[in-house]
PDB file of N, CA and C in Angstrom:
ATOM      1  N   MET A   1       5.213 -58.917  94.255  1.00  0.00           N
ATOM      2  CA  MET A   1       6.122 -60.008  94.102  1.00  0.00           C
ATOM      3  C   MET A   1       6.927 -59.791  92.829  1.00  0.00           C
ATOM      4  N   SER A   2       8.224 -59.941  92.913  1.00  0.00           N
ATOM      5  CA  SER A   2       9.073 -59.720  91.738  1.00  0.00           C
ATOM      6  C   SER A   2       9.222 -61.007  90.955  1.00  0.00           C
ATOM      7  N   HIS A   3       9.364 -60.811  89.695  1.00  0.00           N
ATOM      8  CA  HIS A   3       9.535 -61.972  88.811  1.00  0.00           C
ATOM      9  C   HIS A   3      11.006 -62.097  88.457  1.00  0.00           C
ATOM     10  N   LEU A   4      11.702 -62.947  89.095  1.00  0.00           N
ATOM     11  CA  LEU A   4      13.113 -63.193  88.812  1.00  0.00           C
ATOM     12  C   LEU A   4      13.248 -64.462  88.010  1.00  0.00           C
ATOM     13  N   ILE A   5      14.117 -64.388  87.038  1.00  0.00           N
ATOM     14  CA  ILE A   5      14.371 -65.568  86.228  1.00  0.00           C
ATOM     15  C   ILE A   5      15.670 -66.177  86.729  1.00  0.00           C
ATOM     16  N   ALA A   6      15.621 -67.373  87.127  1.00  0.00           N
ATOM     17  CA  ALA A   6      16.804 -68.066  87.625  1.00  0.00           C
ATOM     18  C   ALA A   6      17.426 -68.843  86.481  1.00  0.00           C
ATOM     19  N   ALA A   7      18.693 -68.577  86.264  1.00  0.00           N
ATOM     20  CA  ALA A   7      19.410 -69.293  85.207  1.00  0.00           C
ATOM     21  C   ALA A   7      20.004 -70.559  85.792  1.00  0.00           C
ATOM     22  N   GLU A   8      20.181 -71.527  84.908  1.00  0.00           N
ATOM     23  CA  GLU A   8      20.756 -72.783  85.373  1.00  0.00           C
ATOM     24  C   GLU A   8      22.225 -72.618  85.739  1.00  0.00           C
ATOM     25  N   SER A   9      22.977 -71.883  84.915  1.00  0.00           N
ATOM     26  CA  SER A   9      24.394 -71.646  85.205  1.00  0.00           C
ATOM     27  C   SER A   9      24.777 -70.302  84.601  1.00  0.00           C
ATOM     28  N   PRO A  10      25.833 -69.692  85.097  1.00  0.00           N
ATOM     29  CA  PRO A  10      26.256 -68.390  84.541  1.00  0.00           C
ATOM     30  C   PRO A  10      26.638 -68.477  83.065  1.00  0.00           C
ATOM     31  N   SER A  11      27.173 -69.598  82.613  1.00  0.00           N
ATOM     32  CA  SER A  11      27.578 -69.701  81.210  1.00  0.00           C
ATOM     33  C   SER A  11      26.384 -69.706  80.267  1.00  0.00           C
ATOM     34  N   SER A  12      25.211 -70.081  80.766  1.00  0.00           N
ATOM     35  CA  SER A  12      24.045 -70.058  79.891  1.00  0.00           C
ATOM     36  C   SER A  12      23.559 -68.625  79.676  1.00  0.00           C
ATOM     37  N   VAL A  13      23.900 -67.706  80.578  1.00  0.00           N
ATOM     38  CA  VAL A  13      23.510 -66.307  80.431  1.00  0.00           C
ATOM     39  C   VAL A  13      24.590 -65.530  79.678  1.00  0.00           C
ATOM     40  N   ILE A  14      25.830 -65.704  80.092  1.00  0.00           N
ATOM     41  CA  ILE A  14      26.942 -64.940  79.522  1.00  0.00           C
ATOM     42  C   ILE A  14      27.468 -65.591  78.254  1.00  0.00           C
ATOM     43  N   GLY A  15      27.521 -66.864  78.212  1.00  0.00           N
ATOM     44  CA  GLY A  15      28.122 -67.578  77.098  1.00  0.00           C
ATOM     45  C   GLY A  15      29.490 -68.097  77.515  1.00  0.00           C
ATOM     46  N   GLN A  16      30.149 -68.717  76.607  1.00  0.00           N
ATOM     47  CA  GLN A  16      31.469 -69.274  76.884  1.00  0.00           C
ATOM     48  C   GLN A  16      32.528 -68.201  76.656  1.00  0.00           C
ATOM     49  N   VAL A  17      33.349 -67.942  77.654  1.00  0.00           N
ATOM     50  CA  VAL A  17      34.422 -66.964  77.552  1.00  0.00           C
ATOM     51  C   VAL A  17      35.686 -67.705  77.123  1.00  0.00           C
ATOM     52  N   VAL A  18      36.208 -67.307  75.972  1.00  0.00           N
ATOM     53  CA  VAL A  18      37.394 -67.954  75.416  1.00  0.00           C
ATOM     54  C   VAL A  18      38.518 -66.934  75.361  1.00  0.00           C
ATOM     55  N   PRO A  19      39.719 -67.262  75.834  1.00  0.00           N
ATOM     56  CA  PRO A  19      40.823 -66.301  75.753  1.00  0.00           C
ATOM     57  C   PRO A  19      41.220 -66.069  74.294  1.00  0.00           C
ATOM     58  N   PRO A  20      41.727 -64.871  73.975  1.00  0.00           N
ATOM     59  CA  PRO A  20      42.116 -64.586  72.595  1.00  0.00           C
ATOM     60  C   PRO A  20      43.358 -65.369  72.200  1.00  0.00           C
ATOM     61  N   ASN A  21      43.557 -65.480  70.892  1.00  0.00           N
ATOM     62  CA  ASN A  21      44.756 -66.133  70.399  1.00  0.00           C
ATOM     63  C   ASN A  21      45.987 -65.328  70.809  1.00  0.00           C
ATOM     64  N   PRO A  22      47.090 -65.987  71.061  1.00  0.00           N
ATOM     65  CA  PRO A  22      48.289 -65.240  71.453  1.00  0.00           C
ATOM     66  C   PRO A  22      48.785 -64.363  70.298  1.00  0.00           C
ATOM     67  N   ILE A  23      49.325 -63.228  70.661  1.00  0.00           N
ATOM     68  CA  ILE A  23      49.860 -62.301  69.668  1.00  0.00           C
ATOM     69  C   ILE A  23      51.232 -62.799  69.246  1.00  0.00           C
ATOM     70  N   THR A  24      51.433 -62.895  67.943  1.00  0.00           N
ATOM     71  CA  THR A  24      52.736 -63.336  67.462  1.00  0.00           C
ATOM     72  C   THR A  24      53.696 -62.154  67.493  1.00  0.00           C
ATOM     73  N   ASN A  25      54.882 -62.400  67.896  1.00  0.00           N
ATOM     74  CA  ASN A  25      55.880 -61.342  67.922  1.00  0.00           C
ATOM     75  C   ASN A  25      57.055 -61.721  67.045  1.00  0.00           C
ATOM     76  N   LEU A  26      58.082 -60.920  67.062  1.00  0.00           N
ATOM     77  CA  LEU A  26      59.213 -61.141  66.178  1.00  0.00           C
ATOM     78  C   LEU A  26      59.945 -62.439  66.470  1.00  0.00           C
ATOM     79  N   THR A  27      59.902 -62.897  67.715  1.00  0.00           N
ATOM     80  CA  THR A  27      60.628 -64.126  68.030  1.00  0.00           C
ATOM     81  C   THR A  27      59.952 -65.345  67.419  1.00  0.00           C
ATOM     82  N   ASN A  28      58.654 -65.251  67.117  1.00  0.00           N
ATOM     83  CA  ASN A  28      57.971 -66.379  66.480  1.00  0.00           C
ATOM     84  C   ASN A  28      58.439 -66.580  65.043  1.00  0.00           C
ATOM     85  N   TYR A  29      59.044 -65.548  64.458  1.00  0.00           N
ATOM     86  CA  TYR A  29      59.543 -65.657  63.103  1.00  0.00           C
ATOM     87  C   TYR A  29      61.047 -65.928  63.079  1.00  0.00           C
ATOM     88  N   GLY A  30      61.640 -66.159  64.198  1.00  0.00           N
ATOM     89  CA  GLY A  30      63.047 -66.482  64.227  1.00  0.00           C
ATOM     90  C   GLY A  30      63.949 -65.274  64.377  1.00  0.00           C
ATOM     91  N   GLY A  31      63.521 -64.232  65.070  1.00  0.00           N
ATOM     92  CA  GLY A  31      64.373 -63.077  65.341  1.00  0.00           C
ATOM     93  C   GLY A  31      64.653 -62.255  64.100  1.00  0.00           C
ATOM     94  N   ALA A  32      65.707 -62.605  63.376  1.00  0.00           N
ATOM     95  CA  ALA A  32      66.095 -61.850  62.188  1.00  0.00           C
ATOM     96  C   ALA A  32      65.023 -61.952  61.111  1.00  0.00           C
ATOM     97  N   GLY A  33      64.331 -63.077  61.054  1.00  0.00           N
ATOM     98  CA  GLY A  33      63.249 -63.210  60.079  1.00  0.00           C
ATOM     99  C   GLY A  33      62.129 -62.225  60.353  1.00  0.00           C
ATOM    100  N   GLY A  34      61.823 -61.999  61.615  1.00  0.00           N
ATOM    101  CA  GLY A  34      60.784 -61.036  61.975  1.00  0.00           C
ATOM    102  C   GLY A  34      61.194 -59.616  61.653  1.00  0.00           C
ATOM    103  N   ILE A  35      62.447 -59.291  61.926  1.00  0.00           N
ATOM    104  CA  ILE A  35      62.951 -57.956  61.603  1.00  0.00           C
ATOM    105  C   ILE A  35      62.929 -57.755  60.089  1.00  0.00           C
ATOM    106  N   SER A  36      63.264 -58.799  59.357  1.00  0.00           N
ATOM    107  CA  SER A  36      63.232 -58.720  57.897  1.00  0.00           C
ATOM    108  C   SER A  36      61.823 -58.448  57.400  1.00  0.00           C
ATOM    109  N   ILE A  37      60.834 -59.075  58.001  1.00  0.00           N
ATOM    110  CA  ILE A  37      59.437 -58.860  57.597  1.00  0.00           C
ATOM    111  C   ILE A  37      59.021 -57.415  57.875  1.00  0.00           C
ATOM    112  N   VAL A  38      59.403 -56.898  59.042  1.00  0.00           N
ATOM    113  CA  VAL A  38      59.051 -55.522  59.390  1.00  0.00           C
ATOM    114  C   VAL A  38      59.718 -54.549  58.427  1.00  0.00           C
ATOM    115  N   LEU A  39      61.004 -54.736  58.158  1.00  0.00           N
ATOM    116  CA  LEU A  39      61.709 -53.837  57.245  1.00  0.00           C
ATOM    117  C   LEU A  39      61.153 -53.923  55.827  1.00  0.00           C
ATOM    118  N   THR A  40      60.809 -55.109  55.381  1.00  0.00           N
ATOM    119  CA  THR A  40      60.226 -55.266  54.054  1.00  0.00           C
ATOM    120  C   THR A  40      58.902 -54.531  53.954  1.00  0.00           C
ATOM    121  N   ASN A  41      58.084 -54.615  54.992  1.00  0.00           N
ATOM    122  CA  ASN A  41      56.802 -53.900  54.983  1.00  0.00           C
ATOM    123  C   ASN A  41      57.008 -52.388  54.971  1.00  0.00           C
ATOM    124  N   ILE A  42      57.997 -51.907  55.707  1.00  0.00           N
ATOM    125  CA  ILE A  42      58.290 -50.468  55.714  1.00  0.00           C
ATOM    126  C   ILE A  42      58.757 -50.022  54.333  1.00  0.00           C
ATOM    127  N   ILE A  43      59.614 -50.814  53.689  1.00  0.00           N
ATOM    128  CA  ILE A  43      60.103 -50.466  52.357  1.00  0.00           C
ATOM    129  C   ILE A  43      58.955 -50.467  51.353  1.00  0.00           C
ATOM    130  N   HIS A  44      58.069 -51.446  51.442  1.00  0.00           N
ATOM    131  CA  HIS A  44      56.895 -51.463  50.558  1.00  0.00           C
ATOM    132  C   HIS A  44      56.078 -50.192  50.740  1.00  0.00           C
ATOM    133  N   LEU A  45      55.868 -49.809  51.979  1.00  0.00           N
ATOM    134  CA  LEU A  45      55.085 -48.610  52.265  1.00  0.00           C
ATOM    135  C   LEU A  45      55.752 -47.367  51.681  1.00  0.00           C
ATOM    136  N   LEU A  46      57.072 -47.264  51.816  1.00  0.00           N
ATOM    137  CA  LEU A  46      57.782 -46.115  51.267  1.00  0.00           C
ATOM    138  C   LEU A  46      57.698 -46.072  49.747  1.00  0.00           C
ATOM    139  N   PHE A  47      57.813 -47.225  49.106  1.00  0.00           N
ATOM    140  CA  PHE A  47      57.741 -47.253  47.647  1.00  0.00           C
ATOM    141  C   PHE A  47      56.336 -46.940  47.142  1.00  0.00           C
ATOM    142  N   ILE A  48      55.331 -47.127  47.966  1.00  0.00           N
ATOM    143  CA  ILE A  48      53.964 -46.773  47.591  1.00  0.00           C
ATOM    144  C   ILE A  48      53.698 -45.290  47.870  1.00  0.00           C
ATOM    145  N   LEU A  49      54.198 -44.800  49.005  1.00  0.00           N
ATOM    146  CA  LEU A  49      53.926 -43.418  49.391  1.00  0.00           C
ATOM    147  C   LEU A  49      54.726 -42.397  48.587  1.00  0.00           C
ATOM    148  N   ALA A  50      55.931 -42.738  48.183  1.00  0.00           N
ATOM    149  CA  ALA A  50      56.805 -41.762  47.521  1.00  0.00           C
ATOM    150  C   ALA A  50      56.185 -41.192  46.242  1.00  0.00           C
ATOM    151  N   PRO A  51      55.720 -42.014  45.313  1.00  0.00           N
ATOM    152  CA  PRO A  51      55.105 -41.416  44.117  1.00  0.00           C
ATOM    153  C   PRO A  51      53.827 -40.631  44.423  1.00  0.00           C
ATOM    154  N   THR A  52      53.091 -41.065  45.429  1.00  0.00           N
ATOM    155  CA  THR A  52      51.865 -40.362  45.809  1.00  0.00           C
ATOM    156  C   THR A  52      52.202 -38.976  46.356  1.00  0.00           C
ATOM    157  N   ILE A  53      53.199 -38.913  47.235  1.00  0.00           N
ATOM    158  CA  ILE A  53      53.624 -37.619  47.791  1.00  0.00           C
ATOM    159  C   ILE A  53      54.182 -36.737  46.683  1.00  0.00           C
ATOM    160  N   PHE A  54      54.951 -37.330  45.761  1.00  0.00           N
ATOM    161  CA  PHE A  54      55.489 -36.579  44.622  1.00  0.00           C
ATOM    162  C   PHE A  54      54.360 -35.944  43.818  1.00  0.00           C
ATOM    163  N   LEU A  55      53.343 -36.715  43.531  1.00  0.00           N
ATOM    164  CA  LEU A  55      52.223 -36.213  42.744  1.00  0.00           C
ATOM    165  C   LEU A  55      51.535 -35.042  43.447  1.00  0.00           C
ATOM    166  N   PHE A  56      51.279 -35.191  44.745  1.00  0.00           N
ATOM    167  CA  PHE A  56      50.636 -34.111  45.490  1.00  0.00           C
ATOM    168  C   PHE A  56      51.517 -32.865  45.540  1.00  0.00           C
ATOM    169  N   MET A  57      52.822 -33.046  45.709  1.00  0.00           N
ATOM    170  CA  MET A  57      53.718 -31.885  45.754  1.00  0.00           C
ATOM    171  C   MET A  57      53.741 -31.155  44.415  1.00  0.00           C
ATOM    172  N   VAL A  58      53.744 -31.902  43.318  1.00  0.00           N
ATOM    173  CA  VAL A  58      53.747 -31.266  41.999  1.00  0.00           C
ATOM    174  C   VAL A  58      52.428 -30.531  41.767  1.00  0.00           C
ATOM    175  N   ILE A  59      51.319 -31.134  42.153  1.00  0.00           N
ATOM    176  CA  ILE A  59      50.014 -30.474  41.973  1.00  0.00           C
ATOM    177  C   ILE A  59      49.930 -29.206  42.817  1.00  0.00           C
ATOM    178  N   ILE A  60      50.329 -29.295  44.071  1.00  0.00           N
ATOM    179  CA  ILE A  60      50.287 -28.121  44.950  1.00  0.00           C
ATOM    180  C   ILE A  60      51.217 -27.035  44.439  1.00  0.00           C
ATOM    181  N   SER A  61      52.407 -27.413  43.968  1.00  0.00           N
ATOM    182  CA  SER A  61      53.346 -26.433  43.433  1.00  0.00           C
ATOM    183  C   SER A  61      52.812 -25.792  42.163  1.00  0.00           C
ATOM    184  N   GLY A  62      52.166 -26.583  41.318  1.00  0.00           N
ATOM    185  CA  GLY A  62      51.575 -26.023  40.107  1.00  0.00           C
ATOM    186  C   GLY A  62      50.481 -25.016  40.429  1.00  0.00           C
ATOM    187  N   ILE A  63      49.655 -25.347  41.405  1.00  0.00           N
ATOM    188  CA  ILE A  63      48.600 -24.410  41.815  1.00  0.00           C
ATOM    189  C   ILE A  63      49.222 -23.141  42.398  1.00  0.00           C
ATOM    190  N   GLN A  64      50.280 -23.317  43.210  1.00  0.00           N
ATOM    191  CA  GLN A  64      50.956 -22.157  43.791  1.00  0.00           C
ATOM    192  C   GLN A  64      51.575 -21.301  42.688  1.00  0.00           C
ATOM    193  N   TRP A  65      52.140 -21.927  41.676  1.00  0.00           N
ATOM    194  CA  TRP A  65      52.762 -21.207  40.575  1.00  0.00           C
ATOM    195  C   TRP A  65      51.701 -20.424  39.791  1.00  0.00           C
ATOM    196  N   ILE A  66      50.569 -21.090  39.500  1.00  0.00           N
ATOM    197  CA  ILE A  66      49.520 -20.441  38.723  1.00  0.00           C
ATOM    198  C   ILE A  66      48.909 -19.265  39.487  1.00  0.00           C
ATOM    199  N   THR A  67      48.723 -19.435  40.790  1.00  0.00           N
ATOM    200  CA  THR A  67      48.075 -18.389  41.584  1.00  0.00           C
ATOM    201  C   THR A  67      49.056 -17.351  42.126  1.00  0.00           C
ATOM    202  N   SER A  68      50.317 -17.427  41.725  1.00  0.00           N
ATOM    203  CA  SER A  68      51.311 -16.483  42.258  1.00  0.00           C
ATOM    204  C   SER A  68      51.072 -15.069  41.751  1.00  0.00           C
ATOM    205  N   GLY A  69      50.425 -14.924  40.628  1.00  0.00           N
ATOM    206  CA  GLY A  69      50.130 -13.588  40.106  1.00  0.00           C
ATOM    207  C   GLY A  69      51.368 -12.841  39.667  1.00  0.00           C
ATOM    208  N   GLY A  70      52.400 -13.551  39.292  1.00  0.00           N
ATOM    209  CA  GLY A  70      53.624 -12.905  38.826  1.00  0.00           C
ATOM    210  C   GLY A  70      54.598 -12.548  39.932  1.00  0.00           C
ATOM    211  N   ASP A  71      54.254 -12.875  41.172  1.00  0.00           N
ATOM    212  CA  ASP A  71      55.157 -12.609  42.289  1.00  0.00           C
ATOM    213  C   ASP A  71      56.367 -13.531  42.178  1.00  0.00           C
ATOM    214  N   LYS A  72      57.548 -12.930  42.034  1.00  0.00           N
ATOM    215  CA  LYS A  72      58.748 -13.727  41.787  1.00  0.00           C
ATOM    216  C   LYS A  72      59.089 -14.645  42.966  1.00  0.00           C
ATOM    217  N   GLU A  73      58.788 -14.210  44.165  1.00  0.00           N
ATOM    218  CA  GLU A  73      59.097 -15.030  45.345  1.00  0.00           C
ATOM    219  C   GLU A  73      58.205 -16.277  45.393  1.00  0.00           C
ATOM    220  N   SER A  74      56.926 -16.133  45.081  1.00  0.00           N
ATOM    221  CA  SER A  74      56.011 -17.285  45.062  1.00  0.00           C
ATOM    222  C   SER A  74      56.377 -18.259  43.955  1.00  0.00           C
ATOM    223  N   VAL A  75      56.763 -17.738  42.799  1.00  0.00           N
ATOM    224  CA  VAL A  75      57.175 -18.601  41.696  1.00  0.00           C
ATOM    225  C   VAL A  75      58.437 -19.357  42.079  1.00  0.00           C
ATOM    226  N   ALA A  76      59.369 -18.683  42.735  1.00  0.00           N
ATOM    227  CA  ALA A  76      60.616 -19.332  43.155  1.00  0.00           C
ATOM    228  C   ALA A  76      60.338 -20.438  44.174  1.00  0.00           C
ATOM    229  N   ARG A  77      59.405 -20.200  45.099  1.00  0.00           N
ATOM    230  CA  ARG A  77      59.062 -21.241  46.078  1.00  0.00           C
ATOM    231  C   ARG A  77      58.422 -22.441  45.396  1.00  0.00           C
ATOM    232  N   ALA A  78      57.537 -22.187  44.437  1.00  0.00           N
ATOM    233  CA  ALA A  78      56.882 -23.283  43.713  1.00  0.00           C
ATOM    234  C   ALA A  78      57.903 -24.068  42.902  1.00  0.00           C
ATOM    235  N   ARG A  79      58.803 -23.377  42.229  1.00  0.00           N
ATOM    236  CA  ARG A  79      59.837 -24.041  41.443  1.00  0.00           C
ATOM    237  C   ARG A  79      60.758 -24.866  42.346  1.00  0.00           C
ATOM    238  N   ALA A  80      61.105 -24.327  43.500  1.00  0.00           N
ATOM    239  CA  ALA A  80      61.968 -25.060  44.440  1.00  0.00           C
ATOM    240  C   ALA A  80      61.254 -26.315  44.953  1.00  0.00           C
ATOM    241  N   ARG A  81      59.953 -26.213  45.240  1.00  0.00           N
ATOM    242  CA  ARG A  81      59.208 -27.373  45.722  1.00  0.00           C
ATOM    243  C   ARG A  81      59.158 -28.473  44.663  1.00  0.00           C
ATOM    244  N   ILE A  82      58.969 -28.087  43.406  1.00  0.00           N
ATOM    245  CA  ILE A  82      58.972 -29.085  42.320  1.00  0.00           C
ATOM    246  C   ILE A  82      60.350 -29.727  42.209  1.00  0.00           C
ATOM    247  N   THR A  83      61.397 -28.916  42.312  1.00  0.00           N
ATOM    248  CA  THR A  83      62.762 -29.446  42.246  1.00  0.00           C
ATOM    249  C   THR A  83      63.007 -30.439  43.377  1.00  0.00           C
ATOM    250  N   TYR A  84      62.595 -30.096  44.584  1.00  0.00           N
ATOM    251  CA  TYR A  84      62.788 -31.000  45.726  1.00  0.00           C
ATOM    252  C   TYR A  84      61.978 -32.283  45.562  1.00  0.00           C
ATOM    253  N   ALA A  85      60.802 -32.163  44.992  1.00  0.00           N
ATOM    254  CA  ALA A  85      59.972 -33.352  44.764  1.00  0.00           C
ATOM    255  C   ALA A  85      60.640 -34.288  43.766  1.00  0.00           C
ATOM    256  N   VAL A  86      61.191 -33.729  42.696  1.00  0.00           N
ATOM    257  CA  VAL A  86      61.877 -34.555  41.697  1.00  0.00           C
ATOM    258  C   VAL A  86      63.119 -35.204  42.307  1.00  0.00           C
ATOM    259  N   ILE A  87      63.884 -34.442  43.084  1.00  0.00           N
ATOM    260  CA  ILE A  87      65.078 -34.995  43.731  1.00  0.00           C
ATOM    261  C   ILE A  87      64.687 -36.118  44.691  1.00  0.00           C
ATOM    262  N   GLY A  88      63.626 -35.924  45.457  1.00  0.00           N
ATOM    263  CA  GLY A  88      63.164 -36.961  46.378  1.00  0.00           C
ATOM    264  C   GLY A  88      62.739 -38.227  45.670  1.00  0.00           C
ATOM    265  N   LEU A  89      62.017 -38.063  44.560  1.00  0.00           N
ATOM    266  CA  LEU A  89      61.595 -39.231  43.791  1.00  0.00           C
ATOM    267  C   LEU A  89      62.795 -39.949  43.188  1.00  0.00           C
ATOM    268  N   MET A  90      63.796 -39.196  42.749  1.00  0.00           N
ATOM    269  CA  MET A  90      65.013 -39.813  42.217  1.00  0.00           C
ATOM    270  C   MET A  90      65.761 -40.589  43.301  1.00  0.00           C
ATOM    271  N   ILE A  91      65.801 -40.060  44.514  1.00  0.00           N
ATOM    272  CA  ILE A  91      66.460 -40.759  45.628  1.00  0.00           C
ATOM    273  C   ILE A  91      65.739 -42.064  45.936  1.00  0.00           C
ATOM    274  N   VAL A  92      64.410 -42.023  45.948  1.00  0.00           N
ATOM    275  CA  VAL A  92      63.641 -43.245  46.196  1.00  0.00           C
ATOM    276  C   VAL A  92      63.875 -44.256  45.075  1.00  0.00           C
ATOM    277  N   GLY A  93      63.917 -43.778  43.837  1.00  0.00           N
ATOM    278  CA  GLY A  93      64.188 -44.675  42.717  1.00  0.00           C
ATOM    279  C   GLY A  93      65.566 -45.299  42.802  1.00  0.00           C
ATOM    280  N   LEU A  94      66.573 -44.505  43.173  1.00  0.00           N
ATOM    281  CA  LEU A  94      67.921 -45.045  43.340  1.00  0.00           C
ATOM    282  C   LEU A  94      67.987 -46.041  44.494  1.00  0.00           C
ATOM    283  N   ALA A  95      67.255 -45.759  45.563  1.00  0.00           N
ATOM    284  CA  ALA A  95      67.217 -46.701  46.688  1.00  0.00           C
ATOM    285  C   ALA A  95      66.580 -48.015  46.258  1.00  0.00           C
ATOM    286  N   PHE A  96      65.533 -47.931  45.445  1.00  0.00           N
ATOM    287  CA  PHE A  96      64.894 -49.139  44.924  1.00  0.00           C
ATOM    288  C   PHE A  96      65.878 -49.937  44.077  1.00  0.00           C
ATOM    289  N   MET A  97      66.579 -49.242  43.182  1.00  0.00           N
ATOM    290  CA  MET A  97      67.561 -49.932  42.343  1.00  0.00           C
ATOM    291  C   MET A  97      68.662 -50.562  43.183  1.00  0.00           C
ATOM    292  N   ALA A  98      69.132 -49.856  44.206  1.00  0.00           N
ATOM    293  CA  ALA A  98      70.195 -50.396  45.052  1.00  0.00           C
ATOM    294  C   ALA A  98      69.728 -51.635  45.800  1.00  0.00           C
ATOM    295  N   THR A  99      68.509 -51.612  46.320  1.00  0.00           N
ATOM    296  CA  THR A  99      68.023 -52.793  47.037  1.00  0.00           C
ATOM    297  C   THR A  99      67.841 -53.970  46.093  1.00  0.00           C
ATOM    298  N   GLU A 100      67.383 -53.708  44.883  1.00  0.00           N
ATOM    299  CA  GLU A 100      67.221 -54.797  43.915  1.00  0.00           C
ATOM    300  C   GLU A 100      68.562 -55.380  43.506  1.00  0.00           C
ATOM    301  N   ILE A 101      69.571 -54.526  43.314  1.00  0.00           N
ATOM    302  CA  ILE A 101      70.903 -55.016  42.943  1.00  0.00           C
ATOM    303  C   ILE A 101      71.492 -55.860  44.059  1.00  0.00           C
ATOM    304  N   VAL A 102      71.380 -55.375  45.305  1.00  0.00           N
ATOM    305  CA  VAL A 102      71.930 -56.119  46.437  1.00  0.00           C
ATOM    306  C   VAL A 102      71.213 -57.452  46.616  1.00  0.00           C
ATOM    307  N   THR A 103      69.890 -57.460  46.480  1.00  0.00           N
ATOM    308  CA  THR A 103      69.157 -58.715  46.647  1.00  0.00           C
ATOM    309  C   THR A 103      69.498 -59.709  45.541  1.00  0.00           C
ATOM    310  N   LYS A 104      69.732 -59.218  44.329  1.00  0.00           N
ATOM    311  CA  LYS A 104      70.119 -60.122  43.242  1.00  0.00           C
ATOM    312  C   LYS A 104      71.531 -60.666  43.468  1.00  0.00           C
ATOM    313  N   MET A 105      72.442 -59.798  43.926  1.00  0.00           N
ATOM    314  CA  MET A 105      73.820 -60.240  44.141  1.00  0.00           C
ATOM    315  C   MET A 105      73.921 -61.256  45.266  1.00  0.00           C
ATOM    316  N   LEU A 106      73.093 -61.093  46.293  1.00  0.00           N
ATOM    317  CA  LEU A 106      73.137 -61.997  47.444  1.00  0.00           C
ATOM    318  C   LEU A 106      72.133 -63.146  47.322  1.00  0.00           C
ATOM    319  N   SER A 107      71.456 -63.226  46.209  1.00  0.00           N
ATOM    320  CA  SER A 107      70.435 -64.263  45.961  1.00  0.00           C
ATOM    321  C   SER A 107      69.362 -64.290  47.038  1.00  0.00           C
ATOM    322  N   LEU A 108      68.918 -63.108  47.433  1.00  0.00           N
ATOM    323  CA  LEU A 108      67.844 -62.968  48.421  1.00  0.00           C
ATOM    324  C   LEU A 108      66.531 -62.762  47.688  1.00  0.00           C
ATOM    325  N   PRO A 109      65.413 -62.977  48.370  1.00  0.00           N
ATOM    326  CA  PRO A 109      64.133 -62.692  47.724  1.00  0.00           C
ATOM    327  C   PRO A 109      63.995 -61.184  47.490  1.00  0.00           C
ATOM    328  N   SER A 110      63.308 -60.825  46.410  1.00  0.00           N
ATOM    329  CA  SER A 110      63.153 -59.430  46.040  1.00  0.00           C
ATOM    330  C   SER A 110      62.359 -58.675  47.101  1.00  0.00           C
ATOM    331  N   VAL A 111      62.720 -57.413  47.307  1.00  0.00           N
ATOM    332  CA  VAL A 111      62.027 -56.591  48.286  1.00  0.00           C
ATOM    333  C   VAL A 111      60.611 -56.300  47.815  1.00  0.00           C
ATOM    334  N   VAL A 112      60.472 -56.015  46.540  1.00  0.00           N
ATOM    335  CA  VAL A 112      59.158 -55.729  45.971  1.00  0.00           C
ATOM    336  C   VAL A 112      58.734 -56.950  45.170  1.00  0.00           C
ATOM    337  N   THR A 113      57.688 -57.597  45.648  1.00  0.00           N
ATOM    338  CA  THR A 113      57.205 -58.807  44.967  1.00  0.00           C
ATOM    339  C   THR A 113      56.203 -58.412  43.899  1.00  0.00           C
ATOM    340  N   PRO A 114      56.219 -59.091  42.765  1.00  0.00           N
ATOM    341  CA  PRO A 114      55.284 -58.732  41.693  1.00  0.00           C
ATOM    342  C   PRO A 114      53.854 -59.101  42.035  1.00  0.00           C
TER     343      PRO A 114
END
């Protein structure tokens, strides 16, 4: 004879199934407001990643320069990589300054919040 346990109702075995909260999309923020939030987050990410990438490029280039063993081609590649890293960081810095100037002129909230 098998021992079966009879439950009073399926919810007592499984529990209460509740649908998830609805996913908010850009239209919940008023269209342009949602796009503004997405762009602001992307800009924040770029301003955080740029110095980090710069640091790694300079470190890798320095290691390449040190381990070049006097090979002029390896030294030239390392020097070029450092130059490109500095130029990239300067472009990001200028972009930051431009966004801050535009936001101040238009009385918009700052892209980078303190």
